Amino acid sequence: MSARRQAYLLPDPTRRRSGAELFQQTVPRALVHRSAVSEVLVTGVRHGDDGVHQVGAQWSRAHSYYGPVAGRWHDPMIFAETIRQACMLLAHQTLAIPLTHPFLTATHAFTILESGMRLTDRPANVLLEISLHDVVRRGANVSSFACSINAFREGEPIGIGRSSANCVSPSVYRRLRGPRFGAVPRGEVPAPLPHELAGRSRPSDVVLGRSPGKRTWVLRAETSHPILFDHPVDHVPGMVLMEAARQAALLTVGCPDGLLVSCAATFRRYVEFDAPCIVSSSPPREEAPGRHALTVTFHQAESLVGSCEVTVLDSRAA
C-alpha cells in the first residue's frame, strides 16, 4: 500500500509513520493566518527528509463561503485557500519565518481535475505534497520563497499548485506602506451585481459591482465580510482578487454554476482601498467543448496591479 493511501487510514500505533494523523485536527490558526478556527482547513503536517512535506487538509461539504458548485462539486477556490494556508504553515515551521512578519504574495495558482472536486457523503481529506524552493535569505532571515504542490485525494492525483511570496519585518512593512499603513476603506462600497449571476447564494458574497464598460466591473472590498476579510488588513487580499476573477469569468461565460478548474494569479502591486479597482475580462476562448479560458485584469489609478489566467468548465457541458 502506498504512503499516500496510508495517509487516509485511521490512526493506529503500528502505523504511526503512515500519515494517518494528518486529518485528526486542525493546526493552530495563527500558523495559517486565520482569525476564525472554523476557517482553518489544514489538519496536519509531516516534514520529509527529502525536502517534500506532506500536509493534510479537509474540505467540508458545506463551507459557509466555498460551498458546493452546481450541487456536485466542492468549490475549487477552497483548493486555492488550502494551498495558501499550507504554504504559510511551512513558511513558519520549516523556514522559521516569525509569525509577526507580513507576507506579500507574488503569484498563486492551481489546476484541479473535475473528478477531484466531486462531492460525496463525507468531507474530503486531501493530501498535499509540497516542495519549498527559490528560498532567498538576507542574512539569517528569509525574504522570499516559492512552493510547488501536488494534491491527492484517496491516494489519487487531483491537482497541482504553486505559490510565491516575499516576507518582510514589521518595521520594513510599515515603511513600505507609508501613509497607507493600517488603511481602511473610506466611503460606500459599490452595490453588488445580482448574486445569482455571479454564482453566489447571497448578495454580500459578491465582490463585483456594476461598471459602464463591457465585461468590466468595479471591485467590491467589503471588509466586514467574515470569510474574505477574516482579519484586519490594509489592502485587498489576493484571495479576494482571485474570487473576483472567478466571478468575472462566470459572468463572461454566462454560466453561474461553472467550475473554475484553473486560476493563475500574478500580483504586481497592492490593491488599495482609496481608489476604485477596475476588473476586466477578455472574451472567452473555447479550448474544448464547454471549457473556456480567459484573462481577467485589475487596474487601479490607470495602472495594471494584477491579473489572473482562468479556465472555467461549463456545468451544462460537464
Protein backbone atom coordinates (compact mmCIF):
# COMPACT_ATOMS: atom_id res chain seq x y z
CA MET A 1 0.00 0.00 0.00
CA SER A 2 1.34 3.42 -0.94
CA ALA A 3 2.17 6.03 1.70
CA ARG A 4 -0.39 8.33 0.10
CA ARG A 5 -3.16 5.76 0.59
CA GLN A 6 -1.97 5.01 4.11
CA ALA A 7 -2.40 8.70 4.94
CA TYR A 8 -6.16 8.20 4.74
CA LEU A 9 -6.29 5.34 7.27
CA LEU A 10 -7.43 5.80 10.85
CA PRO A 11 -4.61 6.22 13.37
CA ASP A 12 -3.01 3.06 14.71
CA PRO A 13 0.08 2.73 16.95
CA THR A 14 1.66 0.33 14.46
CA ARG A 15 1.19 2.80 11.60
CA ARG A 16 2.38 5.97 13.29
CA ARG A 17 4.51 6.90 10.27
CA SER A 18 1.69 6.35 7.75
CA GLY A 19 0.49 9.93 7.95
CA ALA A 20 -2.97 8.97 9.20
CA GLU A 21 -2.67 11.61 11.93
CA LEU A 22 -2.72 14.34 9.28
CA PHE A 23 -6.53 14.51 9.31
CA GLN A 24 -7.36 14.37 13.02
CA GLN A 25 -7.46 18.05 14.00
CA THR A 26 -6.73 21.49 12.62
CA VAL A 27 -3.38 23.20 13.08
CA PRO A 28 -3.14 26.38 15.21
CA ARG A 29 -4.91 29.19 13.38
CA ALA A 30 -2.01 31.64 13.75
CA LEU A 31 0.19 29.38 11.61
CA VAL A 32 -2.15 29.72 8.61
CA HIS A 33 -3.05 33.38 9.16
CA ARG A 34 -6.70 32.88 10.09
CA SER A 35 -8.61 34.50 12.93
CA ALA A 36 -11.53 32.06 13.00
CA VAL A 37 -10.75 28.47 13.96
CA SER A 38 -13.65 27.41 11.74
CA GLU A 39 -11.78 28.72 8.69
CA VAL A 40 -8.68 26.59 9.23
CA LEU A 41 -8.52 23.93 6.51
CA VAL A 42 -5.09 22.44 7.22
CA THR A 43 -5.16 19.49 9.59
CA GLY A 44 -1.58 18.30 9.94
CA VAL A 45 1.95 18.23 8.58
CA ARG A 46 4.78 15.72 8.21
CA HIS A 47 8.20 17.05 7.29
CA GLY A 48 10.04 14.76 4.90
CA ASP A 49 13.76 14.10 4.98
CA ASP A 50 13.87 14.52 1.19
CA GLY A 51 12.52 18.07 1.31
CA VAL A 52 8.99 17.07 0.33
CA HIS A 53 6.49 17.89 3.06
CA GLN A 54 3.09 16.22 3.46
CA VAL A 55 0.25 18.50 4.55
CA GLY A 56 -3.25 17.25 5.28
CA ALA A 57 -6.41 19.28 4.76
CA GLN A 58 -10.12 18.64 4.99
CA TRP A 59 -12.83 20.19 2.80
CA SER A 60 -16.29 20.50 4.28
CA ARG A 61 -19.30 19.53 2.20
CA ALA A 62 -20.97 22.81 3.12
CA HIS A 63 -18.43 25.56 3.72
CA SER A 64 -20.11 28.87 4.51
CA TYR A 65 -18.45 30.62 1.55
CA TYR A 66 -16.73 27.97 -0.56
CA GLY A 67 -19.86 25.85 -0.76
CA PRO A 68 -20.99 23.27 -3.33
CA VAL A 69 -20.91 24.20 -7.02
CA ALA A 70 -23.87 23.02 -9.10
CA GLY A 71 -24.72 20.61 -6.28
CA ARG A 72 -21.99 18.14 -7.32
CA TRP A 73 -18.55 19.67 -6.76
CA HIS A 74 -16.52 21.20 -3.98
CA ASP A 75 -15.67 24.82 -4.76
CA PRO A 76 -12.18 24.85 -6.35
CA MET A 77 -11.42 28.11 -4.57
CA ILE A 78 -11.17 26.04 -1.41
CA PHE A 79 -8.16 24.40 -3.05
CA ALA A 80 -6.60 27.83 -3.59
CA GLU A 81 -7.17 28.69 0.08
CA THR A 82 -5.78 25.31 1.15
CA ILE A 83 -2.58 25.99 -0.81
CA ARG A 84 -2.29 29.43 0.79
CA GLN A 85 -2.68 28.04 4.29
CA ALA A 86 -0.29 25.13 3.70
CA CYS A 87 2.43 27.43 2.34
CA MET A 88 2.08 29.76 5.33
CA LEU A 89 2.36 26.81 7.70
CA LEU A 90 5.58 25.56 6.08
CA ALA A 91 7.00 29.08 5.93
CA HIS A 92 6.71 29.37 9.68
CA GLN A 93 7.64 25.82 10.65
CA THR A 94 10.30 25.00 8.06
CA LEU A 95 11.76 28.38 7.12
CA ALA A 96 11.40 29.80 10.64
CA ILE A 97 9.72 32.99 9.43
CA PRO A 98 8.34 34.77 12.53
CA LEU A 99 4.58 34.97 12.95
CA THR A 100 4.89 38.76 13.16
CA HIS A 101 6.31 39.12 9.62
CA PRO A 102 3.84 40.09 6.86
CA PHE A 103 3.72 38.01 3.67
CA LEU A 104 3.34 39.68 0.27
CA THR A 105 2.02 37.15 -2.25
CA ALA A 106 3.57 37.48 -5.71
CA THR A 107 1.96 34.54 -7.55
CA HIS A 108 -0.68 31.98 -6.64
CA ALA A 109 -2.02 29.30 -8.97
CA PHE A 110 -3.83 25.97 -9.14
CA THR A 111 -5.18 23.47 -11.63
CA ILE A 112 -7.70 20.87 -10.49
CA LEU A 113 -9.39 17.86 -12.08
CA GLU A 114 -13.15 17.88 -12.21
CA SER A 115 -13.17 14.41 -10.67
CA GLY A 116 -11.05 15.64 -7.79
CA MET A 117 -13.73 18.12 -6.73
CA ARG A 118 -16.62 15.66 -6.63
CA LEU A 119 -18.95 15.81 -3.64
CA THR A 120 -19.55 12.61 -1.68
CA ASP A 121 -21.40 11.79 1.54
CA ARG A 122 -18.39 12.74 3.68
CA PRO A 123 -15.80 15.55 3.87
CA ALA A 124 -12.85 15.31 1.51
CA ASN A 125 -9.46 14.52 3.03
CA VAL A 126 -6.80 16.00 0.75
CA LEU A 127 -3.08 15.29 0.95
CA LEU A 128 -0.66 17.91 -0.36
CA GLU A 129 2.94 17.11 -1.19
CA ILE A 130 4.83 20.41 -1.11
CA SER A 131 8.36 21.31 -2.09
CA LEU A 132 9.87 24.61 -0.96
CA HIS A 133 12.30 26.20 -3.41
CA ASP A 134 13.77 29.51 -4.59
CA VAL A 135 14.38 30.45 -0.97
CA VAL A 136 16.19 33.78 -0.72
CA ARG A 137 17.77 34.91 2.52
CA ARG A 138 19.02 38.27 3.68
CA GLY A 139 21.38 37.40 6.43
CA ALA A 140 19.60 34.98 8.74
CA ASN A 141 16.12 35.96 7.54
CA VAL A 142 14.12 34.56 4.61
CA SER A 143 12.99 37.32 2.29
CA SER A 144 11.21 35.26 -0.37
CA PHE A 145 10.29 31.67 -1.19
CA ALA A 146 8.16 29.56 -3.51
CA CYS A 147 6.14 26.35 -3.18
CA SER A 148 5.20 23.64 -5.66
CA ILE A 149 2.25 21.45 -4.76
CA ASN A 150 0.87 18.08 -5.84
CA ALA A 151 -2.56 17.24 -4.42
CA PHE A 152 -4.04 13.79 -3.80
CA ARG A 153 -7.43 12.55 -2.70
CA GLU A 154 -7.84 8.93 -1.63
CA GLY A 155 -4.36 8.36 -3.00
CA GLU A 156 -5.18 9.61 -6.50
CA PRO A 157 -3.70 12.80 -8.01
CA ILE A 158 -6.29 15.54 -8.36
CA GLY A 159 -4.40 18.78 -8.97
CA ILE A 160 -1.29 20.89 -8.79
CA GLY A 161 -0.47 24.32 -7.47
CA ARG A 162 2.27 26.85 -6.99
CA SER A 163 2.74 29.96 -4.91
CA SER A 164 5.46 32.51 -4.25
CA ALA A 165 5.74 35.26 -1.70
CA ASN A 166 8.02 37.87 -0.21
CA CYS A 167 8.20 38.45 3.52
CA VAL A 168 9.41 41.45 5.48
CA SER A 169 9.76 42.53 9.06
CA PRO A 170 7.00 44.64 10.63
CA SER A 171 9.22 47.75 10.54
CA VAL A 172 10.01 47.29 6.84
CA TYR A 173 6.34 46.73 6.06
CA ARG A 174 5.44 49.94 7.85
CA ARG A 175 7.98 51.83 5.73
CA LEU A 176 6.75 50.16 2.52
CA ARG A 177 3.14 51.09 3.21
CA GLY A 178 3.93 54.65 4.26
CA PRO A 179 0.74 56.68 4.80
CA ARG A 180 -1.35 53.64 3.77
CA PHE A 181 -0.14 51.57 6.71
CA GLY A 182 -3.26 50.47 8.59
CA ALA A 183 -5.53 51.89 5.87
CA VAL A 184 -9.27 51.17 5.95
CA PRO A 185 -11.90 51.70 3.23
CA ARG A 186 -13.46 55.13 3.01
CA GLY A 187 -16.86 55.84 1.54
CA GLU A 188 -19.60 53.45 0.50
CA VAL A 189 -18.94 50.04 -1.00
CA PRO A 190 -20.47 49.73 -4.51
CA ALA A 191 -23.72 47.81 -4.77
CA PRO A 192 -23.22 44.17 -5.77
CA LEU A 193 -24.23 42.60 -9.03
CA PRO A 194 -27.16 40.15 -8.83
CA HIS A 195 -25.73 37.28 -6.81
CA GLU A 196 -27.39 34.61 -8.91
CA LEU A 197 -25.45 35.80 -11.98
CA ALA A 198 -22.10 35.72 -10.17
CA GLY A 199 -22.50 32.20 -8.86
CA ARG A 200 -23.12 33.25 -5.26
CA SER A 201 -26.01 32.48 -2.94
CA ARG A 202 -26.03 35.86 -1.13
CA PRO A 203 -25.57 39.46 -2.29
CA SER A 204 -22.95 40.01 0.44
CA ASP A 205 -20.74 37.32 -1.15
CA VAL A 206 -20.46 39.18 -4.47
CA VAL A 207 -17.18 41.06 -4.94
CA LEU A 208 -18.11 42.85 -8.18
CA GLY A 209 -20.21 45.95 -8.75
CA ARG A 210 -21.57 47.46 -11.94
CA SER A 211 -19.40 49.40 -14.37
CA PRO A 212 -20.41 51.09 -17.64
CA GLY A 213 -17.89 49.15 -19.74
CA LYS A 214 -18.44 45.81 -21.48
CA ARG A 215 -17.00 42.87 -19.48
CA THR A 216 -15.86 45.41 -16.90
CA TRP A 217 -16.76 45.73 -13.23
CA VAL A 218 -15.66 47.59 -10.13
CA LEU A 219 -14.18 45.60 -7.25
CA ARG A 220 -16.17 45.49 -4.01
CA ALA A 221 -13.99 45.37 -0.88
CA GLU A 222 -16.47 44.72 1.92
CA THR A 223 -14.12 44.42 4.87
CA SER A 224 -16.90 43.30 7.21
CA HIS A 225 -17.19 40.03 5.31
CA PRO A 226 -16.32 37.28 7.83
CA ILE A 227 -14.53 34.97 5.36
CA LEU A 228 -12.93 37.15 2.69
CA PHE A 229 -11.70 39.58 5.33
CA ASP A 230 -11.14 37.17 8.21
CA HIS A 231 -8.65 39.50 9.89
CA PRO A 232 -7.73 43.21 9.57
CA VAL A 233 -5.65 44.16 6.51
CA ASP A 234 -4.68 47.49 4.97
CA HIS A 235 -5.11 46.38 1.34
CA VAL A 236 -7.25 43.95 -0.66
CA PRO A 237 -6.04 40.34 -0.14
CA GLY A 238 -5.01 38.19 -3.09
CA MET A 239 -7.74 35.64 -2.39
CA VAL A 240 -10.35 38.37 -2.85
CA LEU A 241 -8.84 39.21 -6.25
CA MET A 242 -8.91 35.54 -7.27
CA GLU A 243 -12.55 35.35 -6.22
CA ALA A 244 -13.24 38.46 -8.29
CA ALA A 245 -11.56 36.76 -11.26
CA ARG A 246 -13.76 33.70 -10.79
CA GLN A 247 -16.93 35.78 -10.64
CA ALA A 248 -15.86 37.81 -13.68
CA ALA A 249 -15.23 34.59 -15.60
CA LEU A 250 -18.64 33.15 -14.73
CA LEU A 251 -20.33 36.38 -15.79
CA THR A 252 -18.38 36.46 -19.06
CA VAL A 253 -19.14 32.84 -19.92
CA GLY A 254 -22.74 33.21 -18.75
CA CYS A 255 -22.69 30.13 -16.53
CA PRO A 256 -23.13 30.90 -12.81
CA ASP A 257 -22.66 27.20 -11.96
CA GLY A 258 -19.41 26.90 -13.90
CA LEU A 259 -16.45 25.11 -12.32
CA LEU A 260 -13.19 27.07 -12.03
CA VAL A 261 -10.68 24.35 -13.00
CA SER A 262 -7.61 26.60 -13.09
CA CYS A 263 -6.54 30.04 -11.97
CA ALA A 264 -3.05 31.55 -12.19
CA ALA A 265 -2.77 34.91 -10.44
CA THR A 266 0.04 37.45 -10.60
CA PHE A 267 0.01 40.33 -8.14
CA ARG A 268 2.09 43.32 -9.25
CA ARG A 269 1.14 45.95 -6.67
CA TYR A 270 -1.05 46.34 -3.64
CA VAL A 271 -4.73 46.89 -4.42
CA GLU A 272 -5.60 49.84 -2.21
CA PHE A 273 -8.83 50.85 -0.52
CA ASP A 274 -8.68 54.53 -1.51
CA ALA A 275 -9.28 54.25 -5.27
CA PRO A 276 -11.60 52.17 -7.48
CA CYS A 277 -10.15 48.94 -8.81
CA ILE A 278 -11.49 48.05 -12.24
CA VAL A 279 -11.88 44.36 -13.08
CA SER A 280 -11.91 43.48 -16.80
CA SER A 281 -12.31 40.21 -18.65
CA SER A 282 -11.11 39.25 -22.11
CA PRO A 283 -13.50 37.46 -24.48
CA PRO A 284 -13.59 33.74 -23.62
CA ARG A 285 -11.62 31.26 -25.71
CA GLU A 286 -13.20 27.82 -26.03
CA GLU A 287 -10.36 25.33 -25.59
CA ALA A 288 -12.70 22.34 -25.81
CA PRO A 289 -16.48 21.90 -25.76
CA GLY A 290 -17.68 23.61 -22.59
CA ARG A 291 -14.16 24.58 -21.47
CA HIS A 292 -13.47 28.32 -21.61
CA ALA A 293 -10.20 30.19 -20.95
CA LEU A 294 -9.90 33.92 -20.41
CA THR A 295 -7.78 36.62 -18.82
CA VAL A 296 -9.01 38.86 -16.01
CA THR A 297 -7.06 42.04 -15.25
CA PHE A 298 -7.13 44.51 -12.37
CA HIS A 299 -6.37 48.21 -12.90
CA GLN A 300 -6.14 50.92 -10.29
CA ALA A 301 -5.18 54.54 -10.93
CA GLU A 302 -4.77 53.55 -14.61
CA SER A 303 -2.05 51.03 -13.73
CA LEU A 304 -2.13 47.25 -14.04
CA VAL A 305 -1.98 45.89 -10.49
CA GLY A 306 -2.73 42.21 -11.13
CA SER A 307 -4.04 39.59 -13.50
CA CYS A 308 -5.49 36.08 -13.50
CA GLU A 309 -5.48 33.46 -16.23
CA VAL A 310 -8.59 31.37 -15.60
CA THR A 311 -10.32 28.34 -17.10
CA VAL A 312 -13.98 27.57 -16.47
CA LEU A 313 -15.85 24.36 -17.19
CA ASP A 314 -19.46 24.94 -18.18
CA SER A 315 -21.57 22.80 -15.84
CA ARG A 316 -24.11 22.30 -18.61
CA ALA A 317 -21.49 20.51 -20.71
CA ALA A 318 -19.79 18.57 -17.91
